[in-house]
Amino acid sequence: MEATVRVVGFGGSAVWDVLDSAKTASIDRIEVADLSDFSHGEIDWRGRLDGAHWLVLSTSSVLAGDSARSAQGAGMTFAEFEGPRTVMVTDLPSDSSRLAEAWGFVIERIRQIHILFLTKPALSAIAQIEEMDESELLREIRLRGMTPQVIAVDSSNRQVIIEHSLGNHTGLCEAETGAQWLGHYLCELPLQGPGAEGIENAANRC
C-alpha cells in the first residue's frame, strides 16, 4: 500500500487553493485568525512538520505583517531540519505595487525552497522587475538560486513549464487553474520516483 503524501500549509487563499486540490493527500492547515497580528512563536513547527512531505507557503502572506513573515521564515528553517520540502507559491498580492517586496523575501530565502511555483500574473510582473523576457525567467531563477524546480502554469493556453536541475519539461495542463495543477502534482511527485523521469511522470498525471 502506498504511503499517503502529507502536506502542511500556512498562509492565505493562495495556499488553501493548492491544498484544496491535493485530494489524495493528508492535509494539515496551520490557520490563524489574523495573519497581521498573532503570536508566531506558538506554532509548533517541529510537531506539525514531523513526517510531512511538503510545506506550502505563499509570498503574499509575508506582506500581512512581521508575524506572518517571521512564521514563514521559521517554518522554512524547521523544514530544512525536519525533512519536508518547501513549496513557495508566488502570487500577485492584492496591492500589486508590493510584489517587489514579496519577491525580495523569496530571493533572500531561495536556497531553502525546493519548488518555486509562479502564477501567470506574477510571472509577467516579476519578468518586468527582473528586466527579463518571460521565456527566460524560469530557467534564470533556477540557475541563480540553484532551486530544484521552478514551475509556471498558464491555464489560458493549458501549458505547464518545469525547469529543474536535470533539464526541463513542457506539457499540457489538464487542470482548470495553476493551483489545482500544483495540488495534484504535490500528491504525485513523491510516488513517481526520483530524477527527470519522476518529474515528467508526475506532471503528466496532472
N, C-alpha and C. Protein backbone atom coordinates (compact mmCIF):
# COMPACT_ATOMS: atom_id res chain seq x y z
N MET A 1 0.84 -1.20 0.00
CA MET A 1 0.00 0.00 0.00
C MET A 1 0.88 1.25 0.00
N GLU A 2 0.57 2.19 -0.88
CA GLU A 2 1.37 3.40 -0.99
C GLU A 2 1.15 4.29 0.24
N ALA A 3 2.25 4.89 0.71
CA ALA A 3 2.15 5.80 1.84
C ALA A 3 1.42 7.07 1.40
N THR A 4 0.62 7.61 2.29
CA THR A 4 -0.10 8.84 1.99
C THR A 4 0.86 10.02 2.00
N VAL A 5 0.76 10.85 0.99
CA VAL A 5 1.55 12.07 0.95
C VAL A 5 0.97 13.05 1.95
N ARG A 6 1.81 13.64 2.78
CA ARG A 6 1.35 14.56 3.81
C ARG A 6 1.81 15.97 3.48
N VAL A 7 0.87 16.92 3.49
CA VAL A 7 1.14 18.31 3.11
C VAL A 7 0.73 19.24 4.24
N VAL A 8 1.64 20.12 4.64
CA VAL A 8 1.35 21.14 5.65
C VAL A 8 1.31 22.49 4.94
N GLY A 9 0.34 23.31 5.27
CA GLY A 9 0.22 24.61 4.63
C GLY A 9 0.02 25.72 5.62
N PHE A 10 0.59 26.88 5.33
CA PHE A 10 0.41 28.08 6.15
C PHE A 10 0.25 29.27 5.24
N GLY A 11 -0.73 30.12 5.54
CA GLY A 11 -0.88 31.33 4.73
C GLY A 11 -2.32 31.63 4.40
N GLY A 12 -2.52 32.24 3.27
CA GLY A 12 -3.85 32.67 2.87
C GLY A 12 -4.42 31.86 1.73
N SER A 13 -5.24 32.51 0.93
CA SER A 13 -6.03 31.82 -0.10
C SER A 13 -5.17 31.12 -1.15
N ALA A 14 -4.01 31.68 -1.47
CA ALA A 14 -3.16 31.05 -2.48
C ALA A 14 -2.71 29.66 -2.04
N VAL A 15 -2.47 29.50 -0.73
CA VAL A 15 -2.08 28.21 -0.18
C VAL A 15 -3.28 27.29 -0.08
N TRP A 16 -4.41 27.82 0.41
CA TRP A 16 -5.60 26.97 0.58
C TRP A 16 -6.09 26.44 -0.76
N ASP A 17 -5.97 27.21 -1.82
CA ASP A 17 -6.39 26.74 -3.14
C ASP A 17 -5.58 25.52 -3.57
N VAL A 18 -4.29 25.52 -3.25
CA VAL A 18 -3.45 24.37 -3.57
C VAL A 18 -3.84 23.18 -2.72
N LEU A 19 -4.00 23.39 -1.42
CA LEU A 19 -4.35 22.29 -0.52
C LEU A 19 -5.71 21.70 -0.84
N ASP A 20 -6.66 22.54 -1.25
CA ASP A 20 -7.99 22.06 -1.60
C ASP A 20 -7.94 21.09 -2.78
N SER A 21 -6.92 21.23 -3.62
CA SER A 21 -6.80 20.38 -4.80
C SER A 21 -5.94 19.15 -4.57
N ALA A 22 -5.30 19.08 -3.41
CA ALA A 22 -4.47 17.90 -3.09
C ALA A 22 -5.37 16.84 -2.47
N LYS A 23 -6.27 16.32 -3.30
CA LYS A 23 -7.37 15.48 -2.81
C LYS A 23 -6.91 14.19 -2.15
N THR A 24 -5.80 13.62 -2.62
CA THR A 24 -5.37 12.32 -2.09
C THR A 24 -4.34 12.45 -0.98
N ALA A 25 -4.03 13.66 -0.58
CA ALA A 25 -3.01 13.88 0.46
C ALA A 25 -3.65 14.02 1.83
N SER A 26 -2.83 13.82 2.84
CA SER A 26 -3.22 14.13 4.21
C SER A 26 -2.82 15.59 4.46
N ILE A 27 -3.80 16.43 4.78
CA ILE A 27 -3.60 17.87 4.83
C ILE A 27 -3.61 18.38 6.27
N ASP A 28 -2.65 19.24 6.57
CA ASP A 28 -2.59 19.93 7.86
C ASP A 28 -2.52 21.42 7.58
N ARG A 29 -3.59 22.13 7.87
CA ARG A 29 -3.64 23.58 7.65
C ARG A 29 -3.28 24.31 8.94
N ILE A 30 -2.28 25.14 8.89
CA ILE A 30 -1.94 25.98 10.04
C ILE A 30 -2.66 27.31 9.83
N GLU A 31 -3.80 27.44 10.46
CA GLU A 31 -4.64 28.61 10.25
C GLU A 31 -4.59 29.53 11.47
N VAL A 32 -4.55 30.81 11.22
CA VAL A 32 -4.62 31.81 12.28
C VAL A 32 -5.73 32.79 11.91
N ALA A 33 -6.35 33.35 12.93
CA ALA A 33 -7.50 34.23 12.69
C ALA A 33 -7.11 35.50 11.96
N ASP A 34 -5.93 36.02 12.28
CA ASP A 34 -5.50 37.29 11.69
C ASP A 34 -4.00 37.21 11.40
N LEU A 35 -3.64 37.08 10.14
CA LEU A 35 -2.23 36.97 9.78
C LEU A 35 -1.42 38.21 10.16
N SER A 36 -2.10 39.33 10.32
CA SER A 36 -1.37 40.56 10.61
C SER A 36 -1.03 40.70 12.09
N ASP A 37 -1.65 39.86 12.94
CA ASP A 37 -1.44 40.02 14.38
C ASP A 37 -1.67 38.69 15.09
N PHE A 38 -0.62 37.94 15.31
CA PHE A 38 -0.70 36.69 16.05
C PHE A 38 0.67 36.37 16.62
N SER A 39 0.72 35.45 17.55
CA SER A 39 1.99 35.06 18.17
C SER A 39 2.60 33.92 17.37
N HIS A 40 3.53 34.26 16.48
CA HIS A 40 4.08 33.23 15.59
C HIS A 40 4.87 32.18 16.35
N GLY A 41 5.34 32.51 17.57
CA GLY A 41 6.10 31.55 18.35
C GLY A 41 5.26 30.40 18.88
N GLU A 42 3.92 30.54 18.81
CA GLU A 42 3.04 29.48 19.30
C GLU A 42 2.86 28.34 18.30
N ILE A 43 3.33 28.52 17.08
CA ILE A 43 3.23 27.44 16.09
C ILE A 43 4.30 26.40 16.38
N ASP A 44 3.88 25.18 16.60
CA ASP A 44 4.80 24.07 16.86
C ASP A 44 5.27 23.50 15.52
N TRP A 45 6.23 24.18 14.90
CA TRP A 45 6.67 23.76 13.58
C TRP A 45 7.26 22.35 13.59
N ARG A 46 8.03 22.03 14.61
CA ARG A 46 8.64 20.70 14.66
C ARG A 46 7.56 19.61 14.69
N GLY A 47 6.56 19.81 15.52
CA GLY A 47 5.49 18.83 15.61
C GLY A 47 4.64 18.77 14.36
N ARG A 48 4.33 19.92 13.79
CA ARG A 48 3.46 19.96 12.61
C ARG A 48 4.15 19.39 11.37
N LEU A 49 5.46 19.57 11.28
CA LEU A 49 6.19 19.13 10.09
C LEU A 49 6.69 17.69 10.19
N ASP A 50 6.57 17.08 11.35
CA ASP A 50 7.05 15.71 11.53
C ASP A 50 6.33 14.75 10.56
N GLY A 51 7.10 14.09 9.71
CA GLY A 51 6.53 13.12 8.78
C GLY A 51 5.91 13.72 7.53
N ALA A 52 6.00 15.04 7.36
CA ALA A 52 5.40 15.68 6.19
C ALA A 52 6.32 15.60 4.98
N HIS A 53 5.72 15.58 3.80
CA HIS A 53 6.47 15.63 2.54
C HIS A 53 6.70 17.08 2.09
N TRP A 54 5.67 17.93 2.29
CA TRP A 54 5.72 19.29 1.74
C TRP A 54 5.26 20.31 2.77
N LEU A 55 5.88 21.48 2.73
CA LEU A 55 5.40 22.67 3.43
C LEU A 55 5.06 23.69 2.36
N VAL A 56 3.79 24.07 2.26
CA VAL A 56 3.34 25.00 1.22
C VAL A 56 3.13 26.39 1.83
N LEU A 57 3.78 27.39 1.25
CA LEU A 57 3.71 28.78 1.70
C LEU A 57 3.42 29.68 0.50
N SER A 58 3.14 30.95 0.76
CA SER A 58 2.94 31.89 -0.35
C SER A 58 3.66 33.20 -0.07
N THR A 59 4.08 33.86 -1.12
CA THR A 59 4.79 35.13 -0.97
C THR A 59 3.87 36.24 -0.48
N SER A 60 2.60 36.22 -0.89
CA SER A 60 1.71 37.30 -0.48
C SER A 60 1.47 37.29 1.03
N SER A 61 1.62 36.12 1.67
CA SER A 61 1.39 36.03 3.12
C SER A 61 2.40 36.88 3.91
N VAL A 62 3.62 37.00 3.41
CA VAL A 62 4.64 37.74 4.16
C VAL A 62 4.30 39.23 4.22
N LEU A 63 3.43 39.69 3.32
CA LEU A 63 3.05 41.09 3.31
C LEU A 63 2.01 41.42 4.37
N ALA A 64 1.48 40.39 5.03
CA ALA A 64 0.46 40.61 6.05
C ALA A 64 1.04 41.25 7.30
N GLY A 65 2.35 41.13 7.52
CA GLY A 65 2.95 41.75 8.69
C GLY A 65 4.16 40.98 9.18
N ASP A 66 4.80 41.51 10.22
CA ASP A 66 6.02 40.90 10.75
C ASP A 66 5.77 39.50 11.29
N SER A 67 4.60 39.26 11.90
CA SER A 67 4.31 37.95 12.47
C SER A 67 4.25 36.89 11.38
N ALA A 68 3.57 37.21 10.29
CA ALA A 68 3.46 36.25 9.19
C ALA A 68 4.82 36.00 8.55
N ARG A 69 5.59 37.06 8.38
CA ARG A 69 6.93 36.92 7.79
C ARG A 69 7.81 36.05 8.68
N SER A 70 7.77 36.30 9.99
CA SER A 70 8.58 35.53 10.92
C SER A 70 8.13 34.07 10.96
N ALA A 71 6.82 33.86 10.91
CA ALA A 71 6.29 32.49 10.93
C ALA A 71 6.76 31.71 9.71
N GLN A 72 6.69 32.35 8.55
CA GLN A 72 7.12 31.64 7.33
C GLN A 72 8.62 31.36 7.38
N GLY A 73 9.39 32.31 7.85
CA GLY A 73 10.82 32.09 7.96
C GLY A 73 11.15 30.95 8.90
N ALA A 74 10.45 30.89 10.04
CA ALA A 74 10.67 29.81 10.99
C ALA A 74 10.26 28.48 10.40
N GLY A 75 9.13 28.46 9.69
CA GLY A 75 8.67 27.22 9.07
C GLY A 75 9.67 26.67 8.06
N MET A 76 10.25 27.56 7.26
CA MET A 76 11.23 27.14 6.26
C MET A 76 12.49 26.59 6.92
N THR A 77 12.90 27.22 8.02
CA THR A 77 14.09 26.75 8.74
C THR A 77 13.85 25.39 9.36
N PHE A 78 12.70 25.20 10.00
CA PHE A 78 12.38 23.90 10.58
C PHE A 78 12.25 22.83 9.51
N ALA A 79 11.70 23.20 8.34
CA ALA A 79 11.56 22.24 7.26
C ALA A 79 12.92 21.70 6.80
N GLU A 80 13.92 22.58 6.80
CA GLU A 80 15.26 22.13 6.42
C GLU A 80 15.77 21.02 7.33
N PHE A 81 15.45 21.11 8.61
CA PHE A 81 15.95 20.14 9.58
C PHE A 81 15.02 18.94 9.75
N GLU A 82 13.72 19.15 9.55
CA GLU A 82 12.76 18.08 9.80
C GLU A 82 12.49 17.22 8.57
N GLY A 83 12.85 17.70 7.38
CA GLY A 83 12.72 16.85 6.19
C GLY A 83 11.75 17.28 5.11
N PRO A 84 10.63 17.97 5.43
CA PRO A 84 9.72 18.39 4.36
C PRO A 84 10.40 19.36 3.39
N ARG A 85 9.95 19.35 2.18
CA ARG A 85 10.48 20.28 1.19
C ARG A 85 9.52 21.46 1.04
N THR A 86 10.09 22.65 0.98
CA THR A 86 9.28 23.87 0.93
C THR A 86 8.83 24.18 -0.48
N VAL A 87 7.53 24.45 -0.61
CA VAL A 87 6.91 24.88 -1.86
C VAL A 87 6.47 26.32 -1.68
N MET A 88 6.98 27.22 -2.49
CA MET A 88 6.62 28.63 -2.37
C MET A 88 5.76 29.03 -3.57
N VAL A 89 4.52 29.40 -3.28
CA VAL A 89 3.61 29.89 -4.32
C VAL A 89 3.80 31.39 -4.44
N THR A 90 4.28 31.83 -5.58
CA THR A 90 4.49 33.26 -5.80
C THR A 90 3.30 33.79 -6.58
N ASP A 91 2.45 34.51 -5.88
CA ASP A 91 1.23 35.03 -6.47
C ASP A 91 1.27 36.56 -6.47
N LEU A 92 0.35 37.16 -7.16
CA LEU A 92 0.28 38.61 -7.23
C LEU A 92 -0.51 39.11 -6.03
N PRO A 93 0.10 39.94 -5.17
CA PRO A 93 -0.63 40.42 -3.98
C PRO A 93 -1.75 41.37 -4.37
N SER A 94 -2.69 41.57 -3.43
CA SER A 94 -3.82 42.46 -3.72
C SER A 94 -3.34 43.87 -4.05
N ASP A 95 -2.26 44.28 -3.40
CA ASP A 95 -1.60 45.54 -3.73
C ASP A 95 -0.39 45.20 -4.60
N SER A 96 -0.59 45.24 -5.91
CA SER A 96 0.46 44.77 -6.83
C SER A 96 1.76 45.56 -6.71
N SER A 97 1.68 46.78 -6.15
CA SER A 97 2.89 47.59 -6.01
C SER A 97 3.86 46.98 -4.98
N ARG A 98 3.37 46.03 -4.17
CA ARG A 98 4.21 45.41 -3.14
C ARG A 98 4.81 44.08 -3.60
N LEU A 99 4.64 43.74 -4.87
CA LEU A 99 5.19 42.48 -5.36
C LEU A 99 6.70 42.42 -5.19
N ALA A 100 7.39 43.53 -5.46
CA ALA A 100 8.85 43.55 -5.33
C ALA A 100 9.27 43.22 -3.91
N GLU A 101 8.51 43.68 -2.92
CA GLU A 101 8.80 43.38 -1.52
C GLU A 101 8.65 41.88 -1.26
N ALA A 102 7.56 41.31 -1.75
CA ALA A 102 7.33 39.88 -1.56
C ALA A 102 8.39 39.07 -2.30
N TRP A 103 8.74 39.51 -3.49
CA TRP A 103 9.76 38.80 -4.27
C TRP A 103 11.12 38.88 -3.58
N GLY A 104 11.37 39.96 -2.89
CA GLY A 104 12.62 40.09 -2.13
C GLY A 104 12.73 39.02 -1.05
N PHE A 105 11.60 38.67 -0.42
CA PHE A 105 11.60 37.60 0.58
C PHE A 105 12.01 36.27 -0.06
N VAL A 106 11.50 36.04 -1.26
CA VAL A 106 11.86 34.81 -1.98
C VAL A 106 13.36 34.77 -2.27
N ILE A 107 13.88 35.87 -2.77
CA ILE A 107 15.30 35.93 -3.11
C ILE A 107 16.17 35.69 -1.88
N GLU A 108 15.77 36.27 -0.74
CA GLU A 108 16.53 36.10 0.50
C GLU A 108 16.61 34.64 0.93
N ARG A 109 15.55 33.88 0.65
CA ARG A 109 15.46 32.50 1.15
C ARG A 109 15.40 31.47 0.03
N ILE A 110 15.87 31.84 -1.14
CA ILE A 110 15.74 30.98 -2.32
C ILE A 110 16.38 29.61 -2.12
N ARG A 111 17.46 29.53 -1.34
CA ARG A 111 18.15 28.26 -1.15
C ARG A 111 17.36 27.29 -0.27
N GLN A 112 16.34 27.80 0.41
CA GLN A 112 15.50 26.95 1.26
C GLN A 112 14.27 26.43 0.52
N ILE A 113 14.09 26.84 -0.72
CA ILE A 113 12.90 26.49 -1.48
C ILE A 113 13.20 25.33 -2.43
N HIS A 114 12.36 24.32 -2.41
CA HIS A 114 12.53 23.17 -3.30
C HIS A 114 11.72 23.35 -4.59
N ILE A 115 10.47 23.81 -4.45
CA ILE A 115 9.64 24.10 -5.62
C ILE A 115 9.18 25.55 -5.53
N LEU A 116 9.54 26.33 -6.53
CA LEU A 116 9.07 27.71 -6.63
C LEU A 116 8.03 27.74 -7.75
N PHE A 117 6.80 28.01 -7.37
CA PHE A 117 5.68 28.00 -8.31
C PHE A 117 5.21 29.42 -8.54
N LEU A 118 5.21 29.87 -9.79
CA LEU A 118 4.79 31.23 -10.11
C LEU A 118 3.47 31.21 -10.86
N THR A 119 2.50 31.99 -10.36
CA THR A 119 1.26 32.15 -11.11
C THR A 119 1.56 32.97 -12.36
N LYS A 120 0.72 32.87 -13.36
CA LYS A 120 0.96 33.58 -14.61
C LYS A 120 1.03 35.10 -14.41
N PRO A 121 0.11 35.72 -13.65
CA PRO A 121 0.24 37.18 -13.44
C PRO A 121 1.54 37.55 -12.73
N ALA A 122 1.94 36.74 -11.75
CA ALA A 122 3.18 37.03 -11.03
C ALA A 122 4.39 36.87 -11.94
N LEU A 123 4.36 35.84 -12.77
CA LEU A 123 5.46 35.61 -13.71
C LEU A 123 5.68 36.83 -14.60
N SER A 124 4.60 37.37 -15.14
CA SER A 124 4.70 38.53 -16.02
C SER A 124 5.25 39.74 -15.28
N ALA A 125 4.77 39.94 -14.05
CA ALA A 125 5.20 41.10 -13.27
C ALA A 125 6.65 40.97 -12.83
N ILE A 126 7.06 39.77 -12.43
CA ILE A 126 8.44 39.57 -11.98
C ILE A 126 9.41 39.69 -13.16
N ALA A 127 8.98 39.29 -14.33
CA ALA A 127 9.81 39.46 -15.52
C ALA A 127 10.12 40.94 -15.73
N GLN A 128 9.15 41.80 -15.44
CA GLN A 128 9.38 43.23 -15.56
C GLN A 128 10.34 43.72 -14.48
N ILE A 129 10.16 43.22 -13.25
CA ILE A 129 11.06 43.60 -12.16
C ILE A 129 12.49 43.21 -12.48
N GLU A 130 12.66 42.01 -13.01
CA GLU A 130 13.99 41.49 -13.31
C GLU A 130 14.51 41.96 -14.67
N GLU A 131 13.66 42.69 -15.41
CA GLU A 131 14.01 43.19 -16.74
C GLU A 131 14.47 42.03 -17.63
N MET A 132 13.59 41.04 -17.73
CA MET A 132 13.93 39.82 -18.45
C MET A 132 12.69 39.32 -19.19
N ASP A 133 12.90 38.63 -20.27
CA ASP A 133 11.80 38.04 -21.01
C ASP A 133 11.21 36.88 -20.22
N GLU A 134 9.90 36.74 -20.26
CA GLU A 134 9.23 35.66 -19.53
C GLU A 134 9.78 34.29 -19.91
N SER A 135 10.11 34.11 -21.17
CA SER A 135 10.57 32.81 -21.64
C SER A 135 11.92 32.41 -21.04
N GLU A 136 12.67 33.40 -20.56
CA GLU A 136 13.99 33.12 -19.98
C GLU A 136 13.97 33.10 -18.45
N LEU A 137 12.89 33.64 -17.86
CA LEU A 137 12.88 33.90 -16.42
C LEU A 137 12.98 32.63 -15.58
N LEU A 138 12.19 31.62 -15.89
CA LEU A 138 12.17 30.41 -15.06
C LEU A 138 13.55 29.76 -14.99
N ARG A 139 14.18 29.62 -16.14
CA ARG A 139 15.50 28.98 -16.16
C ARG A 139 16.52 29.83 -15.42
N GLU A 140 16.45 31.15 -15.58
CA GLU A 140 17.41 32.03 -14.93
C GLU A 140 17.24 31.98 -13.40
N ILE A 141 15.99 31.95 -12.94
CA ILE A 141 15.75 31.84 -11.50
C ILE A 141 16.32 30.53 -10.97
N ARG A 142 16.10 29.44 -11.70
CA ARG A 142 16.59 28.15 -11.24
C ARG A 142 18.11 28.12 -11.16
N LEU A 143 18.75 28.72 -12.15
CA LEU A 143 20.21 28.73 -12.17
C LEU A 143 20.78 29.64 -11.09
N ARG A 144 20.20 30.81 -10.94
CA ARG A 144 20.71 31.76 -9.94
C ARG A 144 20.53 31.21 -8.52
N GLY A 145 19.34 30.66 -8.25
CA GLY A 145 19.03 30.22 -6.90
C GLY A 145 19.36 28.78 -6.63
N MET A 146 19.79 28.04 -7.67
CA MET A 146 20.02 26.61 -7.56
C MET A 146 18.78 25.91 -6.99
N THR A 147 17.61 26.41 -7.41
CA THR A 147 16.33 25.87 -6.96
C THR A 147 16.04 24.57 -7.72
N PRO A 148 15.72 23.49 -7.03
CA PRO A 148 15.49 22.21 -7.72
C PRO A 148 14.41 22.27 -8.80
N GLN A 149 13.29 22.97 -8.52
CA GLN A 149 12.24 23.08 -9.53
C GLN A 149 11.63 24.49 -9.50
N VAL A 150 11.52 25.07 -10.68
CA VAL A 150 10.82 26.34 -10.85
C VAL A 150 9.73 26.10 -11.88
N ILE A 151 8.49 26.41 -11.51
CA ILE A 151 7.34 25.99 -12.31
C ILE A 151 6.40 27.16 -12.57
N ALA A 152 5.84 27.18 -13.77
CA ALA A 152 4.77 28.12 -14.09
C ALA A 152 3.70 27.37 -14.89
N VAL A 153 2.45 27.70 -14.61
CA VAL A 153 1.34 27.12 -15.34
C VAL A 153 0.51 28.25 -15.92
N ASP A 154 0.25 28.17 -17.21
CA ASP A 154 -0.62 29.13 -17.88
C ASP A 154 -1.88 28.39 -18.27
N SER A 155 -2.91 28.50 -17.44
CA SER A 155 -4.14 27.75 -17.70
C SER A 155 -4.87 28.26 -18.95
N SER A 156 -4.57 29.51 -19.38
CA SER A 156 -5.25 30.04 -20.56
C SER A 156 -4.86 29.30 -21.83
N ASN A 157 -3.59 28.87 -21.91
CA ASN A 157 -3.18 28.08 -23.08
C ASN A 157 -2.86 26.63 -22.69
N ARG A 158 -3.24 26.27 -21.45
CA ARG A 158 -3.15 24.88 -20.97
C ARG A 158 -1.73 24.34 -21.04
N GLN A 159 -0.78 25.14 -20.60
CA GLN A 159 0.62 24.74 -20.67
C GLN A 159 1.28 24.82 -19.29
N VAL A 160 2.10 23.82 -18.99
CA VAL A 160 2.91 23.83 -17.77
C VAL A 160 4.38 23.75 -18.18
N ILE A 161 5.20 24.56 -17.52
CA ILE A 161 6.64 24.56 -17.79
C ILE A 161 7.36 24.31 -16.47
N ILE A 162 8.24 23.32 -16.47
CA ILE A 162 9.02 22.98 -15.29
C ILE A 162 10.50 23.05 -15.64
N GLU A 163 11.21 23.96 -15.01
CA GLU A 163 12.66 23.99 -15.12
C GLU A 163 13.22 23.29 -13.88
N HIS A 164 14.03 22.26 -14.09
CA HIS A 164 14.55 21.53 -12.94
C HIS A 164 16.04 21.25 -13.12
N SER A 165 16.66 20.69 -12.10
CA SER A 165 18.11 20.56 -12.09
C SER A 165 18.64 19.59 -13.13
N LEU A 166 17.75 18.78 -13.71
CA LEU A 166 18.17 17.81 -14.72
C LEU A 166 17.69 18.16 -16.12
N GLY A 167 17.09 19.34 -16.26
CA GLY A 167 16.60 19.74 -17.58
C GLY A 167 15.32 20.53 -17.48
N ASN A 168 14.37 20.26 -18.37
CA ASN A 168 13.09 20.95 -18.32
C ASN A 168 12.00 20.08 -18.89
N HIS A 169 10.77 20.44 -18.57
CA HIS A 169 9.61 19.71 -19.07
C HIS A 169 8.54 20.72 -19.45
N THR A 170 7.99 20.58 -20.63
CA THR A 170 6.85 21.39 -21.07
C THR A 170 5.74 20.43 -21.45
N GLY A 171 4.58 20.63 -20.88
CA GLY A 171 3.49 19.70 -21.16
C GLY A 171 2.13 20.36 -21.11
N LEU A 172 1.13 19.54 -21.26
CA LEU A 172 -0.25 20.00 -21.27
C LEU A 172 -0.79 20.05 -19.85
N CYS A 173 -1.46 21.12 -19.51
CA CYS A 173 -2.09 21.27 -18.20
C CYS A 173 -3.56 20.91 -18.33
N GLU A 174 -3.95 19.82 -17.69
CA GLU A 174 -5.34 19.38 -17.74
C GLU A 174 -6.20 20.09 -16.69
N ALA A 175 -5.57 20.64 -15.67
CA ALA A 175 -6.31 21.28 -14.58
C ALA A 175 -6.88 22.63 -15.01
N GLU A 176 -7.91 23.08 -14.30
CA GLU A 176 -8.56 24.34 -14.64
C GLU A 176 -7.74 25.54 -14.19
N THR A 177 -6.98 25.40 -13.12
CA THR A 177 -6.17 26.50 -12.59
C THR A 177 -4.77 26.00 -12.25
N GLY A 178 -3.84 26.93 -12.10
CA GLY A 178 -2.49 26.56 -11.70
C GLY A 178 -2.46 25.95 -10.32
N ALA A 179 -3.26 26.49 -9.39
CA ALA A 179 -3.31 25.96 -8.03
C ALA A 179 -3.80 24.52 -8.02
N GLN A 180 -4.78 24.24 -8.84
CA GLN A 180 -5.29 22.87 -8.93
C GLN A 180 -4.23 21.93 -9.47
N TRP A 181 -3.51 22.37 -10.50
CA TRP A 181 -2.44 21.53 -11.05
C TRP A 181 -1.38 21.26 -9.99
N LEU A 182 -0.97 22.29 -9.23
CA LEU A 182 0.07 22.13 -8.23
C LEU A 182 -0.37 21.17 -7.13
N GLY A 183 -1.63 21.28 -6.70
CA GLY A 183 -2.14 20.36 -5.70
C GLY A 183 -2.03 18.92 -6.15
N HIS A 184 -2.39 18.66 -7.40
CA HIS A 184 -2.27 17.30 -7.95
C HIS A 184 -0.80 16.87 -8.02
N TYR A 185 0.05 17.78 -8.45
CA TYR A 185 1.47 17.48 -8.64
C TYR A 185 2.14 17.09 -7.32
N LEU A 186 1.79 17.80 -6.25
CA LEU A 186 2.39 17.51 -4.95
C LEU A 186 1.96 16.13 -4.44
N CYS A 187 0.78 15.69 -4.84
CA CYS A 187 0.33 14.34 -4.48
C CYS A 187 1.07 13.27 -5.26
N GLU A 188 1.41 13.58 -6.50
CA GLU A 188 2.01 12.59 -7.40
C GLU A 188 3.53 12.48 -7.26
N LEU A 189 4.20 13.60 -7.08
CA LEU A 189 5.66 13.62 -7.19
C LEU A 189 6.37 12.65 -6.24
N PRO A 190 5.99 12.56 -4.97
CA PRO A 190 6.70 11.62 -4.09
C PRO A 190 6.49 10.16 -4.45
N LEU A 191 5.47 9.88 -5.27
CA LEU A 191 5.13 8.50 -5.61
C LEU A 191 5.72 8.04 -6.94
N GLN A 192 6.31 8.96 -7.70
CA GLN A 192 6.72 8.64 -9.07
C GLN A 192 8.21 8.37 -9.24
N GLY A 193 8.95 8.36 -8.15
CA GLY A 193 10.37 8.05 -8.25
C GLY A 193 11.21 9.27 -8.50
N PRO A 194 12.52 9.12 -8.40
CA PRO A 194 13.44 10.26 -8.49
C PRO A 194 13.76 10.66 -9.93
N GLY A 195 14.46 11.77 -10.05
CA GLY A 195 15.02 12.19 -11.33
C GLY A 195 14.02 12.80 -12.29
N ALA A 196 14.51 13.04 -13.49
CA ALA A 196 13.70 13.68 -14.53
C ALA A 196 12.48 12.85 -14.90
N GLU A 197 12.65 11.53 -14.89
CA GLU A 197 11.53 10.66 -15.24
C GLU A 197 10.40 10.78 -14.22
N GLY A 198 10.76 10.88 -12.94
CA GLY A 198 9.75 11.04 -11.91
C GLY A 198 9.00 12.35 -12.05
N ILE A 199 9.72 13.43 -12.36
CA ILE A 199 9.10 14.73 -12.57
C ILE A 199 8.13 14.68 -13.75
N GLU A 200 8.57 14.10 -14.85
CA GLU A 200 7.74 14.03 -16.05
C GLU A 200 6.51 13.17 -15.80
N ASN A 201 6.70 12.02 -15.15
CA ASN A 201 5.55 11.15 -14.87
C ASN A 201 4.53 11.85 -13.98
N ALA A 202 5.03 12.54 -12.94
CA ALA A 202 4.12 13.25 -12.03
C ALA A 202 3.36 14.35 -12.78
N ALA A 203 4.08 15.11 -13.61
CA ALA A 203 3.47 16.21 -14.36
C ALA A 203 2.41 15.68 -15.33
N ASN A 204 2.70 14.56 -15.95
CA ASN A 204 1.78 14.00 -16.94
C ASN A 204 0.52 13.42 -16.31
N ARG A 205 0.55 13.19 -15.02
CA ARG A 205 -0.62 12.66 -14.32
C ARG A 205 -1.50 13.76 -13.74
N CYS A 206 -1.10 15.02 -14.02
CA CYS A 206 -1.87 16.15 -13.50
C CYS A 206 -2.73 16.79 -14.58
